Amino acid sequence: MFRSTLLFLGLLSLGVAAAPAFAAAPATATAQAKTVHVIVLDKMMFGPMPTGVRAGDVIEWVNHDIFEHSATARDGSFDIDLKPGATVRTTAKAGSFAFFCKFHPGMTGTLVAK
């Protein structure tokens, strides 16, 4: 009897000692969720440019065309190669960025992020 009481008290003290480790962490400020904006490359064109892009949002470039393309900023701030079927994610920075496809220079677009 003494042994089972001692075992019970030992387990109880272990549970009490471990409780703070499993307690819920205090709430902290949560980061604003990032929005994903998709730009599709198809039929030798960049799809419609997304609106409402904010710095820090995710830009997902998706090549649905049968040709390799790029999204190359005229100011040199980004240069993304996209093989057929490829998807690449980047993070938007604030500004207005004119870009083109270095393989097909007639393909152009402008991405604006605030």
N, C-alpha and C. Protein backbone atom coordinates (compact mmCIF):
# COMPACT_ATOMS: atom_id res chain seq x y z
N MET A 1 0.83 -1.19 0.00
CA MET A 1 0.00 0.00 0.00
C MET A 1 0.87 1.26 0.00
N PHE A 2 1.89 1.24 0.87
CA PHE A 2 2.78 2.38 0.93
C PHE A 2 3.48 2.59 -0.41
N ARG A 3 3.86 1.49 -1.03
CA ARG A 3 4.56 1.56 -2.32
C ARG A 3 3.65 2.17 -3.40
N SER A 4 2.37 1.76 -3.49
CA SER A 4 1.47 2.32 -4.50
C SER A 4 1.17 3.79 -4.22
N THR A 5 1.08 4.17 -2.96
CA THR A 5 0.85 5.58 -2.63
C THR A 5 2.06 6.41 -3.04
N LEU A 6 3.24 5.89 -2.78
CA LEU A 6 4.46 6.57 -3.16
C LEU A 6 4.57 6.72 -4.68
N LEU A 7 4.22 5.65 -5.40
CA LEU A 7 4.23 5.69 -6.87
C LEU A 7 3.24 6.73 -7.38
N PHE A 8 2.03 6.74 -6.78
CA PHE A 8 1.01 7.70 -7.20
C PHE A 8 1.48 9.13 -6.97
N LEU A 9 2.04 9.39 -5.81
CA LEU A 9 2.52 10.74 -5.50
C LEU A 9 3.68 11.14 -6.42
N GLY A 10 4.54 10.20 -6.75
CA GLY A 10 5.64 10.48 -7.67
C GLY A 10 5.13 10.84 -9.06
N LEU A 11 4.17 10.08 -9.56
CA LEU A 11 3.59 10.38 -10.88
C LEU A 11 2.84 11.70 -10.87
N LEU A 12 2.13 11.96 -9.78
CA LEU A 12 1.40 13.21 -9.65
C LEU A 12 2.35 14.41 -9.68
N SER A 13 3.46 14.31 -8.98
CA SER A 13 4.41 15.42 -8.97
C SER A 13 5.06 15.60 -10.34
N LEU A 14 5.28 14.50 -11.05
CA LEU A 14 5.80 14.59 -12.41
C LEU A 14 4.84 15.34 -13.31
N GLY A 15 3.55 15.02 -13.20
CA GLY A 15 2.53 15.69 -14.01
C GLY A 15 2.45 17.17 -13.71
N VAL A 16 2.53 17.53 -12.44
CA VAL A 16 2.48 18.93 -12.05
C VAL A 16 3.71 19.67 -12.55
N ALA A 17 4.86 19.03 -12.48
CA ALA A 17 6.09 19.67 -12.93
C ALA A 17 6.10 19.85 -14.45
N ALA A 18 5.50 18.92 -15.18
CA ALA A 18 5.51 18.99 -16.64
C ALA A 18 4.42 19.90 -17.18
N ALA A 19 3.41 20.19 -16.40
CA ALA A 19 2.28 20.99 -16.88
C ALA A 19 2.69 22.31 -17.50
N PRO A 20 3.60 23.08 -16.89
CA PRO A 20 3.97 24.36 -17.51
C PRO A 20 4.59 24.18 -18.90
N ALA A 21 5.26 23.06 -19.14
CA ALA A 21 5.88 22.85 -20.44
C ALA A 21 4.84 22.67 -21.54
N PHE A 22 3.66 22.18 -21.18
CA PHE A 22 2.62 21.93 -22.17
C PHE A 22 1.53 23.00 -22.16
N ALA A 23 1.69 24.01 -21.35
CA ALA A 23 0.70 25.09 -21.29
C ALA A 23 0.71 25.85 -22.60
N ALA A 24 -0.42 26.42 -22.92
CA ALA A 24 -0.53 27.19 -24.16
C ALA A 24 0.39 28.40 -24.08
N ALA A 25 1.07 28.66 -25.17
CA ALA A 25 1.95 29.82 -25.24
C ALA A 25 1.10 31.08 -25.28
N PRO A 26 1.57 32.16 -24.70
CA PRO A 26 0.79 33.39 -24.75
C PRO A 26 0.61 33.85 -26.20
N ALA A 27 -0.53 34.45 -26.45
CA ALA A 27 -0.82 34.92 -27.81
C ALA A 27 0.13 36.06 -28.16
N THR A 28 0.65 36.01 -29.37
CA THR A 28 1.50 37.10 -29.86
C THR A 28 0.86 37.65 -31.11
N ALA A 29 1.33 38.79 -31.54
CA ALA A 29 0.79 39.39 -32.76
C ALA A 29 1.07 38.46 -33.93
N THR A 30 0.05 38.15 -34.68
CA THR A 30 0.23 37.25 -35.82
C THR A 30 0.55 38.08 -37.06
N ALA A 31 1.40 37.53 -37.89
CA ALA A 31 1.76 38.21 -39.13
C ALA A 31 0.56 38.17 -40.07
N GLN A 32 0.40 39.23 -40.83
CA GLN A 32 -0.70 39.27 -41.79
C GLN A 32 -0.45 38.21 -42.84
N ALA A 33 -1.49 37.48 -43.18
CA ALA A 33 -1.37 36.41 -44.17
C ALA A 33 -0.97 36.99 -45.52
N LYS A 34 -0.07 36.30 -46.19
CA LYS A 34 0.39 36.73 -47.51
C LYS A 34 -0.59 36.23 -48.56
N THR A 35 -0.92 37.09 -49.50
CA THR A 35 -1.80 36.72 -50.60
C THR A 35 -0.96 36.19 -51.74
N VAL A 36 -1.46 35.16 -52.41
CA VAL A 36 -0.78 34.61 -53.58
C VAL A 36 -1.47 35.14 -54.83
N HIS A 37 -0.70 35.77 -55.71
CA HIS A 37 -1.21 36.29 -56.98
C HIS A 37 -0.58 35.47 -58.10
N VAL A 38 -1.40 34.97 -59.02
CA VAL A 38 -0.91 34.09 -60.07
C VAL A 38 -0.84 34.86 -61.39
N ILE A 39 0.31 34.74 -62.06
CA ILE A 39 0.48 35.28 -63.41
C ILE A 39 0.75 34.09 -64.32
N VAL A 40 -0.16 33.87 -65.27
CA VAL A 40 -0.05 32.73 -66.18
C VAL A 40 0.57 33.19 -67.50
N LEU A 41 1.53 32.41 -67.98
CA LEU A 41 2.12 32.64 -69.30
C LEU A 41 1.54 31.59 -70.23
N ASP A 42 0.84 32.03 -71.26
CA ASP A 42 0.20 31.09 -72.18
C ASP A 42 -0.02 31.78 -73.52
N LYS A 43 0.10 31.02 -74.59
CA LYS A 43 -0.13 31.53 -75.94
C LYS A 43 0.71 32.77 -76.22
N MET A 44 1.98 32.71 -75.79
CA MET A 44 2.94 33.79 -76.03
C MET A 44 2.51 35.11 -75.41
N MET A 45 1.81 35.04 -74.26
CA MET A 45 1.36 36.24 -73.56
C MET A 45 1.47 36.04 -72.06
N PHE A 46 1.66 37.15 -71.34
CA PHE A 46 1.52 37.13 -69.89
C PHE A 46 0.04 37.35 -69.62
N GLY A 47 -0.53 36.55 -68.72
CA GLY A 47 -1.95 36.68 -68.40
C GLY A 47 -2.25 38.02 -67.77
N PRO A 48 -3.50 38.25 -67.43
CA PRO A 48 -3.85 39.53 -66.80
C PRO A 48 -3.01 39.76 -65.55
N MET A 49 -2.57 40.98 -65.38
CA MET A 49 -1.76 41.32 -64.22
C MET A 49 -2.66 41.41 -62.99
N PRO A 50 -2.20 40.87 -61.88
CA PRO A 50 -3.00 40.94 -60.66
C PRO A 50 -3.09 42.37 -60.14
N THR A 51 -4.19 42.65 -59.47
CA THR A 51 -4.36 43.97 -58.84
C THR A 51 -4.33 43.78 -57.33
N GLY A 52 -4.08 44.83 -56.62
CA GLY A 52 -4.08 44.77 -55.16
C GLY A 52 -2.87 44.07 -54.58
N VAL A 53 -1.77 44.02 -55.33
CA VAL A 53 -0.55 43.37 -54.83
C VAL A 53 0.11 44.28 -53.81
N ARG A 54 0.52 43.69 -52.70
CA ARG A 54 1.21 44.43 -51.65
C ARG A 54 2.61 43.85 -51.48
N ALA A 55 3.53 44.69 -51.07
CA ALA A 55 4.89 44.22 -50.81
C ALA A 55 4.82 43.06 -49.82
N GLY A 56 5.54 42.00 -50.12
CA GLY A 56 5.53 40.81 -49.27
C GLY A 56 4.59 39.73 -49.76
N ASP A 57 3.63 40.08 -50.63
CA ASP A 57 2.74 39.06 -51.20
C ASP A 57 3.55 38.12 -52.09
N VAL A 58 2.98 36.97 -52.35
CA VAL A 58 3.64 35.97 -53.20
C VAL A 58 3.13 36.12 -54.63
N ILE A 59 4.07 36.16 -55.57
CA ILE A 59 3.73 36.15 -56.99
C ILE A 59 4.07 34.76 -57.50
N GLU A 60 3.08 34.07 -58.06
CA GLU A 60 3.30 32.74 -58.61
C GLU A 60 3.24 32.84 -60.13
N TRP A 61 4.37 32.56 -60.77
CA TRP A 61 4.49 32.60 -62.22
C TRP A 61 4.29 31.18 -62.74
N VAL A 62 3.32 30.97 -63.63
CA VAL A 62 2.99 29.64 -64.12
C VAL A 62 3.06 29.63 -65.64
N ASN A 63 3.91 28.77 -66.20
CA ASN A 63 4.05 28.68 -67.65
C ASN A 63 3.18 27.54 -68.19
N HIS A 64 2.06 27.89 -68.80
CA HIS A 64 1.16 26.92 -69.41
C HIS A 64 1.46 26.75 -70.90
N ASP A 65 2.44 27.46 -71.39
CA ASP A 65 2.77 27.44 -72.82
C ASP A 65 3.66 26.24 -73.14
N ILE A 66 3.82 25.97 -74.43
CA ILE A 66 4.70 24.88 -74.87
C ILE A 66 6.13 25.36 -75.05
N PHE A 67 6.36 26.66 -74.87
CA PHE A 67 7.68 27.26 -75.04
C PHE A 67 8.26 27.67 -73.69
N GLU A 68 9.59 27.72 -73.62
CA GLU A 68 10.24 28.28 -72.44
C GLU A 68 10.08 29.80 -72.49
N HIS A 69 9.83 30.39 -71.33
CA HIS A 69 9.69 31.84 -71.23
C HIS A 69 10.50 32.34 -70.04
N SER A 70 10.56 33.65 -69.93
CA SER A 70 11.15 34.27 -68.74
C SER A 70 10.28 35.45 -68.34
N ALA A 71 10.45 35.86 -67.12
CA ALA A 71 9.90 37.13 -66.64
C ALA A 71 11.14 37.89 -66.17
N THR A 72 11.56 38.83 -67.00
CA THR A 72 12.82 39.54 -66.78
C THR A 72 12.52 41.03 -66.59
N ALA A 73 12.84 41.55 -65.41
CA ALA A 73 12.58 42.96 -65.13
C ALA A 73 13.53 43.84 -65.93
N ARG A 74 13.00 44.90 -66.48
CA ARG A 74 13.83 45.83 -67.26
C ARG A 74 14.90 46.49 -66.38
N ASP A 75 14.60 46.65 -65.09
CA ASP A 75 15.59 47.26 -64.19
C ASP A 75 16.55 46.23 -63.59
N GLY A 76 16.42 44.97 -63.99
CA GLY A 76 17.32 43.92 -63.53
C GLY A 76 17.00 43.37 -62.14
N SER A 77 15.89 43.77 -61.55
CA SER A 77 15.57 43.33 -60.18
C SER A 77 15.14 41.87 -60.09
N PHE A 78 14.68 41.29 -61.18
CA PHE A 78 14.39 39.86 -61.20
C PHE A 78 14.54 39.31 -62.61
N ASP A 79 14.83 38.02 -62.69
CA ASP A 79 14.99 37.32 -63.97
C ASP A 79 14.65 35.86 -63.72
N ILE A 80 13.44 35.48 -64.09
CA ILE A 80 12.92 34.15 -63.79
C ILE A 80 12.77 33.37 -65.09
N ASP A 81 13.41 32.21 -65.17
CA ASP A 81 13.23 31.33 -66.33
C ASP A 81 12.16 30.30 -66.01
N LEU A 82 11.26 30.10 -66.97
CA LEU A 82 10.16 29.15 -66.78
C LEU A 82 10.08 28.19 -67.96
N LYS A 83 10.47 26.97 -67.72
CA LYS A 83 10.33 25.94 -68.75
C LYS A 83 8.85 25.60 -68.89
N PRO A 84 8.43 24.96 -69.99
CA PRO A 84 7.02 24.59 -70.13
C PRO A 84 6.54 23.79 -68.92
N GLY A 85 5.41 24.19 -68.36
CA GLY A 85 4.83 23.52 -67.21
C GLY A 85 5.39 23.95 -65.86
N ALA A 86 6.38 24.83 -65.87
CA ALA A 86 7.03 25.23 -64.61
C ALA A 86 6.21 26.26 -63.84
N THR A 87 6.40 26.24 -62.54
CA THR A 87 5.82 27.23 -61.63
C THR A 87 6.93 27.73 -60.73
N VAL A 88 7.03 29.06 -60.59
CA VAL A 88 8.04 29.67 -59.73
C VAL A 88 7.35 30.70 -58.85
N ARG A 89 7.69 30.71 -57.57
CA ARG A 89 7.13 31.70 -56.63
C ARG A 89 8.20 32.71 -56.25
N THR A 90 7.80 33.98 -56.22
CA THR A 90 8.67 35.06 -55.79
C THR A 90 7.91 35.92 -54.79
N THR A 91 8.62 36.80 -54.12
CA THR A 91 7.99 37.72 -53.17
C THR A 91 7.99 39.12 -53.77
N ALA A 92 6.82 39.75 -53.75
CA ALA A 92 6.68 41.09 -54.33
C ALA A 92 7.37 42.14 -53.47
N LYS A 93 8.01 43.08 -54.15
CA LYS A 93 8.59 44.25 -53.50
C LYS A 93 7.78 45.46 -53.96
N ALA A 94 7.76 46.50 -53.17
CA ALA A 94 7.00 47.69 -53.52
C ALA A 94 7.60 48.36 -54.74
N GLY A 95 6.74 48.79 -55.66
CA GLY A 95 7.19 49.50 -56.85
C GLY A 95 6.43 49.06 -58.08
N SER A 96 6.79 49.65 -59.19
CA SER A 96 6.22 49.31 -60.49
C SER A 96 7.35 48.72 -61.33
N PHE A 97 7.15 47.49 -61.81
CA PHE A 97 8.20 46.77 -62.50
C PHE A 97 7.77 46.35 -63.90
N ALA A 98 8.37 46.99 -64.90
CA ALA A 98 8.14 46.58 -66.29
C ALA A 98 9.00 45.34 -66.53
N PHE A 99 8.43 44.34 -67.19
CA PHE A 99 9.19 43.12 -67.46
C PHE A 99 8.86 42.60 -68.86
N PHE A 100 9.67 41.66 -69.32
CA PHE A 100 9.51 41.08 -70.65
C PHE A 100 10.03 39.66 -70.63
N CYS A 101 9.79 38.92 -71.72
CA CYS A 101 10.36 37.59 -71.89
C CYS A 101 11.62 37.73 -72.71
N LYS A 102 12.76 37.31 -72.17
CA LYS A 102 14.02 37.46 -72.90
C LYS A 102 14.09 36.55 -74.12
N PHE A 103 13.25 35.51 -74.18
CA PHE A 103 13.21 34.63 -75.34
C PHE A 103 12.25 35.14 -76.41
N HIS A 104 11.26 35.92 -75.99
CA HIS A 104 10.24 36.47 -76.89
C HIS A 104 9.99 37.92 -76.47
N PRO A 105 10.85 38.86 -76.89
CA PRO A 105 10.80 40.24 -76.39
C PRO A 105 9.47 40.97 -76.60
N GLY A 106 8.60 40.45 -77.47
CA GLY A 106 7.29 41.07 -77.66
C GLY A 106 6.35 40.80 -76.50
N MET A 107 6.69 39.85 -75.65
CA MET A 107 5.88 39.55 -74.47
C MET A 107 6.30 40.52 -73.36
N THR A 108 5.39 41.36 -72.93
CA THR A 108 5.71 42.37 -71.91
C THR A 108 4.59 42.45 -70.87
N GLY A 109 4.92 43.06 -69.76
CA GLY A 109 3.93 43.29 -68.72
C GLY A 109 4.49 44.25 -67.69
N THR A 110 3.63 44.70 -66.80
CA THR A 110 4.04 45.56 -65.70
C THR A 110 3.36 45.07 -64.43
N LEU A 111 4.16 44.86 -63.41
CA LEU A 111 3.66 44.42 -62.11
C LEU A 111 3.78 45.59 -61.14
N VAL A 112 2.68 45.92 -60.48
CA VAL A 112 2.67 47.03 -59.51
C VAL A 112 2.35 46.46 -58.13
N ALA A 113 3.20 46.79 -57.17
CA ALA A 113 2.98 46.38 -55.77
C ALA A 113 3.13 47.59 -54.87
N LYS A 114 2.23 47.73 -53.92
CA LYS A 114 2.26 48.87 -52.99
C LYS A 114 2.84 48.47 -51.67
